[in-house]
Amino acid sequence: MRPRVARARERQLTRQGALNSALADHDFERICPPDAEIRELLQLAAARVKLSARGLKRVLRLARTIADLEAAEVVTVHHVSEALLFRSLDAAGLDTPVRPGAYHRPNHTRPAPPVH
């Protein structure tokens, strides 16, 4: 994965002279203008999951990064859909990797069940 990330960063620097995360909103919109199909998907997502304008911009930035990881020149609906999926996992608190036993508490710390 490390080489893919390095190539994606290199693509971003070559294309725009900065990483996607470092671009101002107006620069990012110039470099990554959404087509009609992407705008429609973003509007639907905004209505269904109550994404703000800022949230939509973050989704589009993530979609551009996903496209860079895939070495795609343009952002497609597929990239935006994947970014929305990650956004929904993040909102649900499911973006943190879980290691086995992370939420398991030893039995001796739980109170014993009442005996009837």
N, C-alpha and C. Protein backbone atom coordinates (compact mmCIF):
# COMPACT_ATOMS: atom_id res chain seq x y z
N MET A 1 0.83 -1.20 0.00
CA MET A 1 0.00 0.00 0.00
C MET A 1 0.88 1.26 0.00
N ARG A 2 1.99 1.19 0.67
CA ARG A 2 2.86 2.37 0.76
C ARG A 2 3.26 2.90 -0.62
N PRO A 3 3.64 2.04 -1.57
CA PRO A 3 3.98 2.56 -2.90
C PRO A 3 2.80 3.22 -3.61
N ARG A 4 1.59 2.67 -3.43
CA ARG A 4 0.40 3.29 -4.04
C ARG A 4 0.16 4.68 -3.49
N VAL A 5 0.32 4.83 -2.19
CA VAL A 5 0.12 6.13 -1.55
C VAL A 5 1.19 7.12 -2.04
N ALA A 6 2.42 6.66 -2.14
CA ALA A 6 3.49 7.53 -2.63
C ALA A 6 3.21 8.00 -4.06
N ARG A 7 2.74 7.07 -4.91
CA ARG A 7 2.40 7.46 -6.29
C ARG A 7 1.22 8.42 -6.33
N ALA A 8 0.23 8.21 -5.46
CA ALA A 8 -0.93 9.11 -5.42
C ALA A 8 -0.50 10.51 -4.99
N ARG A 9 0.35 10.59 -3.99
CA ARG A 9 0.86 11.90 -3.55
C ARG A 9 1.64 12.57 -4.67
N GLU A 10 2.45 11.79 -5.37
CA GLU A 10 3.23 12.33 -6.49
C GLU A 10 2.30 12.86 -7.59
N ARG A 11 1.22 12.12 -7.89
CA ARG A 11 0.23 12.58 -8.88
C ARG A 11 -0.36 13.93 -8.47
N GLN A 12 -0.73 14.04 -7.20
CA GLN A 12 -1.34 15.27 -6.71
C GLN A 12 -0.36 16.44 -6.85
N LEU A 13 0.88 16.22 -6.44
CA LEU A 13 1.88 17.30 -6.52
C LEU A 13 2.17 17.69 -7.96
N THR A 14 2.20 16.71 -8.86
CA THR A 14 2.44 16.99 -10.28
C THR A 14 1.27 17.75 -10.89
N ARG A 15 0.05 17.32 -10.57
CA ARG A 15 -1.15 17.90 -11.17
C ARG A 15 -1.39 19.33 -10.66
N GLN A 16 -1.23 19.54 -9.35
CA GLN A 16 -1.68 20.81 -8.78
C GLN A 16 -0.67 21.50 -7.89
N GLY A 17 0.50 20.90 -7.69
CA GLY A 17 1.53 21.52 -6.89
C GLY A 17 1.31 21.44 -5.39
N ALA A 18 0.30 20.71 -4.96
CA ALA A 18 -0.01 20.54 -3.54
C ALA A 18 -0.84 19.28 -3.37
N LEU A 19 -0.91 18.80 -2.15
CA LEU A 19 -1.78 17.66 -1.86
C LEU A 19 -3.23 18.11 -1.87
N ASN A 20 -4.14 17.17 -2.12
CA ASN A 20 -5.57 17.49 -2.14
C ASN A 20 -6.00 18.19 -0.85
N SER A 21 -5.48 17.73 0.27
CA SER A 21 -5.89 18.27 1.56
C SER A 21 -5.42 19.71 1.77
N ALA A 22 -4.39 20.12 1.04
CA ALA A 22 -3.82 21.46 1.24
C ALA A 22 -4.43 22.52 0.32
N LEU A 23 -5.26 22.11 -0.62
CA LEU A 23 -5.82 23.07 -1.57
C LEU A 23 -6.97 23.87 -0.96
N ALA A 24 -7.04 25.14 -1.29
CA ALA A 24 -8.19 25.97 -0.91
C ALA A 24 -9.40 25.48 -1.69
N ASP A 25 -10.58 25.71 -1.14
CA ASP A 25 -11.81 25.22 -1.78
C ASP A 25 -11.94 25.68 -3.23
N HIS A 26 -11.67 26.97 -3.52
CA HIS A 26 -11.84 27.46 -4.89
C HIS A 26 -10.83 26.82 -5.84
N ASP A 27 -9.62 26.52 -5.36
CA ASP A 27 -8.63 25.84 -6.19
C ASP A 27 -9.06 24.39 -6.45
N PHE A 28 -9.58 23.75 -5.40
CA PHE A 28 -9.98 22.36 -5.55
C PHE A 28 -11.14 22.23 -6.54
N GLU A 29 -12.11 23.14 -6.47
CA GLU A 29 -13.24 23.10 -7.40
C GLU A 29 -12.80 23.32 -8.84
N ARG A 30 -11.76 24.10 -9.02
CA ARG A 30 -11.22 24.33 -10.37
C ARG A 30 -10.54 23.07 -10.89
N ILE A 31 -9.81 22.38 -10.04
CA ILE A 31 -9.06 21.19 -10.43
C ILE A 31 -9.96 19.97 -10.55
N CYS A 32 -10.98 19.90 -9.71
CA CYS A 32 -11.83 18.71 -9.66
C CYS A 32 -13.31 19.09 -9.77
N PRO A 33 -13.73 19.63 -10.91
CA PRO A 33 -15.13 20.02 -11.05
C PRO A 33 -16.02 18.77 -11.19
N PRO A 34 -17.04 18.66 -10.37
CA PRO A 34 -17.92 17.49 -10.49
C PRO A 34 -18.81 17.59 -11.73
N ASP A 35 -19.01 16.46 -12.40
CA ASP A 35 -19.92 16.46 -13.54
C ASP A 35 -21.36 16.37 -13.04
N ALA A 36 -22.32 16.37 -13.95
CA ALA A 36 -23.74 16.40 -13.58
C ALA A 36 -24.14 15.17 -12.77
N GLU A 37 -23.62 14.00 -13.14
CA GLU A 37 -23.96 12.77 -12.43
C GLU A 37 -23.44 12.80 -10.98
N ILE A 38 -22.23 13.31 -10.80
CA ILE A 38 -21.66 13.42 -9.45
C ILE A 38 -22.42 14.45 -8.63
N ARG A 39 -22.77 15.58 -9.24
CA ARG A 39 -23.55 16.60 -8.52
C ARG A 39 -24.89 16.04 -8.06
N GLU A 40 -25.52 15.25 -8.92
CA GLU A 40 -26.81 14.64 -8.57
C GLU A 40 -26.64 13.68 -7.38
N LEU A 41 -25.59 12.87 -7.41
CA LEU A 41 -25.33 11.94 -6.31
C LEU A 41 -25.05 12.70 -5.01
N LEU A 42 -24.27 13.77 -5.09
CA LEU A 42 -23.97 14.56 -3.89
C LEU A 42 -25.22 15.24 -3.34
N GLN A 43 -26.09 15.72 -4.22
CA GLN A 43 -27.35 16.32 -3.76
C GLN A 43 -28.22 15.29 -3.07
N LEU A 44 -28.28 14.09 -3.63
CA LEU A 44 -29.06 13.02 -3.02
C LEU A 44 -28.48 12.67 -1.65
N ALA A 45 -27.17 12.56 -1.57
CA ALA A 45 -26.52 12.26 -0.29
C ALA A 45 -26.76 13.36 0.73
N ALA A 46 -26.71 14.60 0.29
CA ALA A 46 -26.94 15.72 1.20
C ALA A 46 -28.34 15.67 1.78
N ALA A 47 -29.29 15.32 0.95
CA ALA A 47 -30.68 15.25 1.40
C ALA A 47 -30.93 14.07 2.33
N ARG A 48 -30.35 12.93 2.00
CA ARG A 48 -30.62 11.71 2.77
C ARG A 48 -29.88 11.64 4.09
N VAL A 49 -28.63 12.04 4.10
CA VAL A 49 -27.84 11.90 5.33
C VAL A 49 -27.47 13.25 5.94
N LYS A 50 -28.12 14.28 5.46
CA LYS A 50 -27.96 15.62 6.03
C LYS A 50 -26.50 16.09 6.03
N LEU A 51 -25.84 15.95 4.87
CA LEU A 51 -24.47 16.45 4.75
C LEU A 51 -24.49 17.94 4.49
N SER A 52 -23.65 18.67 5.17
CA SER A 52 -23.52 20.10 4.95
C SER A 52 -22.68 20.35 3.69
N ALA A 53 -22.60 21.60 3.29
CA ALA A 53 -21.77 21.95 2.13
C ALA A 53 -20.32 21.59 2.43
N ARG A 54 -19.89 21.83 3.64
CA ARG A 54 -18.52 21.47 4.03
C ARG A 54 -18.33 19.96 3.96
N GLY A 55 -19.31 19.20 4.40
CA GLY A 55 -19.23 17.75 4.34
C GLY A 55 -19.16 17.25 2.91
N LEU A 56 -19.92 17.87 2.02
CA LEU A 56 -19.90 17.49 0.61
C LEU A 56 -18.54 17.76 -0.01
N LYS A 57 -17.92 18.87 0.37
CA LYS A 57 -16.59 19.19 -0.15
C LYS A 57 -15.57 18.17 0.35
N ARG A 58 -15.72 17.74 1.58
CA ARG A 58 -14.81 16.74 2.13
C ARG A 58 -14.99 15.40 1.40
N VAL A 59 -16.22 15.07 1.07
CA VAL A 59 -16.48 13.83 0.32
C VAL A 59 -15.81 13.92 -1.05
N LEU A 60 -15.94 15.06 -1.70
CA LEU A 60 -15.34 15.22 -3.03
C LEU A 60 -13.81 15.16 -2.95
N ARG A 61 -13.21 15.73 -1.92
CA ARG A 61 -11.75 15.63 -1.74
C ARG A 61 -11.33 14.18 -1.55
N LEU A 62 -12.07 13.46 -0.74
CA LEU A 62 -11.77 12.06 -0.52
C LEU A 62 -11.93 11.26 -1.82
N ALA A 63 -12.96 11.57 -2.59
CA ALA A 63 -13.17 10.90 -3.87
C ALA A 63 -11.98 11.15 -4.81
N ARG A 64 -11.47 12.39 -4.82
CA ARG A 64 -10.30 12.70 -5.66
C ARG A 64 -9.09 11.89 -5.20
N THR A 65 -8.92 11.73 -3.90
CA THR A 65 -7.81 10.95 -3.37
C THR A 65 -7.96 9.48 -3.73
N ILE A 66 -9.18 8.96 -3.64
CA ILE A 66 -9.44 7.57 -4.05
C ILE A 66 -9.11 7.39 -5.53
N ALA A 67 -9.50 8.36 -6.35
CA ALA A 67 -9.18 8.30 -7.78
C ALA A 67 -7.66 8.33 -7.99
N ASP A 68 -6.96 9.13 -7.20
CA ASP A 68 -5.50 9.19 -7.30
C ASP A 68 -4.87 7.84 -6.92
N LEU A 69 -5.41 7.20 -5.90
CA LEU A 69 -4.90 5.89 -5.51
C LEU A 69 -5.11 4.86 -6.61
N GLU A 70 -6.17 5.02 -7.39
CA GLU A 70 -6.44 4.11 -8.51
C GLU A 70 -5.79 4.57 -9.81
N ALA A 71 -5.04 5.66 -9.76
CA ALA A 71 -4.38 6.24 -10.93
C ALA A 71 -5.39 6.68 -11.98
N ALA A 72 -6.57 7.11 -11.55
CA ALA A 72 -7.60 7.59 -12.46
C ALA A 72 -7.43 9.10 -12.69
N GLU A 73 -7.57 9.51 -13.92
CA GLU A 73 -7.41 10.93 -14.25
C GLU A 73 -8.61 11.77 -13.79
N VAL A 74 -9.80 11.18 -13.87
CA VAL A 74 -11.00 11.92 -13.49
C VAL A 74 -11.73 11.19 -12.35
N VAL A 75 -12.45 11.96 -11.57
CA VAL A 75 -13.26 11.40 -10.50
C VAL A 75 -14.56 10.93 -11.10
N THR A 76 -14.96 9.71 -10.75
CA THR A 76 -16.20 9.15 -11.27
C THR A 76 -17.21 8.98 -10.13
N VAL A 77 -18.41 8.60 -10.49
CA VAL A 77 -19.45 8.33 -9.50
C VAL A 77 -19.00 7.21 -8.57
N HIS A 78 -18.27 6.24 -9.11
CA HIS A 78 -17.74 5.15 -8.30
C HIS A 78 -16.88 5.69 -7.16
N HIS A 79 -15.99 6.63 -7.46
CA HIS A 79 -15.11 7.21 -6.44
C HIS A 79 -15.91 7.97 -5.39
N VAL A 80 -16.91 8.72 -5.85
CA VAL A 80 -17.75 9.49 -4.91
C VAL A 80 -18.56 8.54 -4.04
N SER A 81 -19.08 7.47 -4.63
CA SER A 81 -19.85 6.49 -3.85
C SER A 81 -18.98 5.86 -2.76
N GLU A 82 -17.75 5.54 -3.11
CA GLU A 82 -16.84 4.96 -2.13
C GLU A 82 -16.53 5.97 -1.03
N ALA A 83 -16.34 7.22 -1.39
CA ALA A 83 -16.07 8.26 -0.40
C ALA A 83 -17.27 8.44 0.53
N LEU A 84 -18.47 8.38 -0.02
CA LEU A 84 -19.68 8.47 0.81
C LEU A 84 -19.78 7.29 1.76
N LEU A 85 -19.38 6.12 1.30
CA LEU A 85 -19.38 4.94 2.17
C LEU A 85 -18.42 5.15 3.34
N PHE A 86 -17.22 5.62 3.04
CA PHE A 86 -16.27 5.88 4.12
C PHE A 86 -16.79 6.95 5.07
N ARG A 87 -17.44 7.94 4.51
CA ARG A 87 -18.00 9.03 5.33
C ARG A 87 -19.07 8.46 6.28
N SER A 88 -19.91 7.56 5.78
CA SER A 88 -20.96 6.99 6.63
C SER A 88 -20.36 6.08 7.69
N LEU A 89 -19.29 5.35 7.36
CA LEU A 89 -18.62 4.53 8.37
C LEU A 89 -17.98 5.41 9.44
N ASP A 90 -17.42 6.52 9.02
CA ASP A 90 -16.80 7.46 9.95
C ASP A 90 -17.86 8.03 10.90
N ALA A 91 -19.01 8.41 10.35
CA ALA A 91 -20.08 8.98 11.17
C ALA A 91 -20.64 7.96 12.16
N ALA A 92 -20.60 6.68 11.77
CA ALA A 92 -21.11 5.63 12.65
C ALA A 92 -20.07 5.17 13.66
N GLY A 93 -18.85 5.74 13.59
CA GLY A 93 -17.79 5.35 14.50
C GLY A 93 -17.16 4.03 14.13
N LEU A 94 -17.34 3.60 12.88
CA LEU A 94 -16.82 2.31 12.45
C LEU A 94 -15.52 2.42 11.66
N ASP A 95 -14.92 3.60 11.67
CA ASP A 95 -13.69 3.78 10.91
C ASP A 95 -12.45 3.37 11.70
N THR A 96 -12.59 3.12 12.99
CA THR A 96 -11.46 2.74 13.82
C THR A 96 -11.26 1.24 13.75
N PRO A 97 -10.06 0.80 13.39
CA PRO A 97 -9.84 -0.64 13.33
C PRO A 97 -10.01 -1.26 14.72
N VAL A 98 -10.62 -2.40 14.76
CA VAL A 98 -10.86 -3.08 16.02
C VAL A 98 -9.90 -4.25 16.12
N ARG A 99 -9.16 -4.30 17.18
CA ARG A 99 -8.28 -5.44 17.40
C ARG A 99 -9.05 -6.48 18.20
N PRO A 100 -8.75 -7.73 18.03
CA PRO A 100 -9.47 -8.77 18.76
C PRO A 100 -9.41 -8.53 20.26
N GLY A 101 -10.54 -8.62 20.88
CA GLY A 101 -10.61 -8.46 22.32
C GLY A 101 -10.59 -7.03 22.81
N ALA A 102 -10.65 -6.06 21.90
CA ALA A 102 -10.55 -4.66 22.31
C ALA A 102 -11.68 -4.24 23.24
N TYR A 103 -12.84 -4.82 23.06
CA TYR A 103 -13.98 -4.43 23.87
C TYR A 103 -14.38 -5.50 24.88
N HIS A 104 -13.56 -6.50 25.01
CA HIS A 104 -13.85 -7.57 25.95
C HIS A 104 -13.31 -7.19 27.32
N ARG A 105 -14.16 -7.29 28.30
CA ARG A 105 -13.73 -7.05 29.67
C ARG A 105 -13.63 -8.39 30.38
N PRO A 106 -12.60 -8.60 31.16
CA PRO A 106 -12.49 -9.86 31.89
C PRO A 106 -13.69 -10.08 32.78
N ASN A 107 -14.07 -11.34 32.97
CA ASN A 107 -15.25 -11.69 33.77
C ASN A 107 -15.16 -11.21 35.21
N HIS A 108 -13.97 -11.13 35.76
CA HIS A 108 -13.87 -10.79 37.17
C HIS A 108 -14.22 -9.33 37.44
N THR A 109 -14.35 -8.50 36.42
CA THR A 109 -14.72 -7.11 36.66
C THR A 109 -16.22 -6.87 36.56
N ARG A 110 -16.93 -7.88 36.06
CA ARG A 110 -18.39 -7.74 35.95
C ARG A 110 -19.03 -8.26 37.22
N PRO A 111 -20.09 -7.63 37.65
CA PRO A 111 -20.78 -8.18 38.82
C PRO A 111 -21.43 -9.51 38.48
N ALA A 112 -21.48 -10.38 39.45
CA ALA A 112 -22.10 -11.68 39.24
C ALA A 112 -23.59 -11.51 39.07
N PRO A 113 -24.22 -12.32 38.22
CA PRO A 113 -25.68 -12.20 38.04
C PRO A 113 -26.39 -12.61 39.32
N PRO A 114 -27.54 -12.01 39.57
CA PRO A 114 -28.29 -12.36 40.79
C PRO A 114 -28.76 -13.81 40.72
N VAL A 115 -28.76 -14.46 41.89
CA VAL A 115 -29.22 -15.85 41.99
C VAL A 115 -30.65 -15.83 42.44
N HIS A 116 -31.51 -16.55 41.76
CA HIS A 116 -32.94 -16.58 42.12
C HIS A 116 -33.31 -17.84 42.81
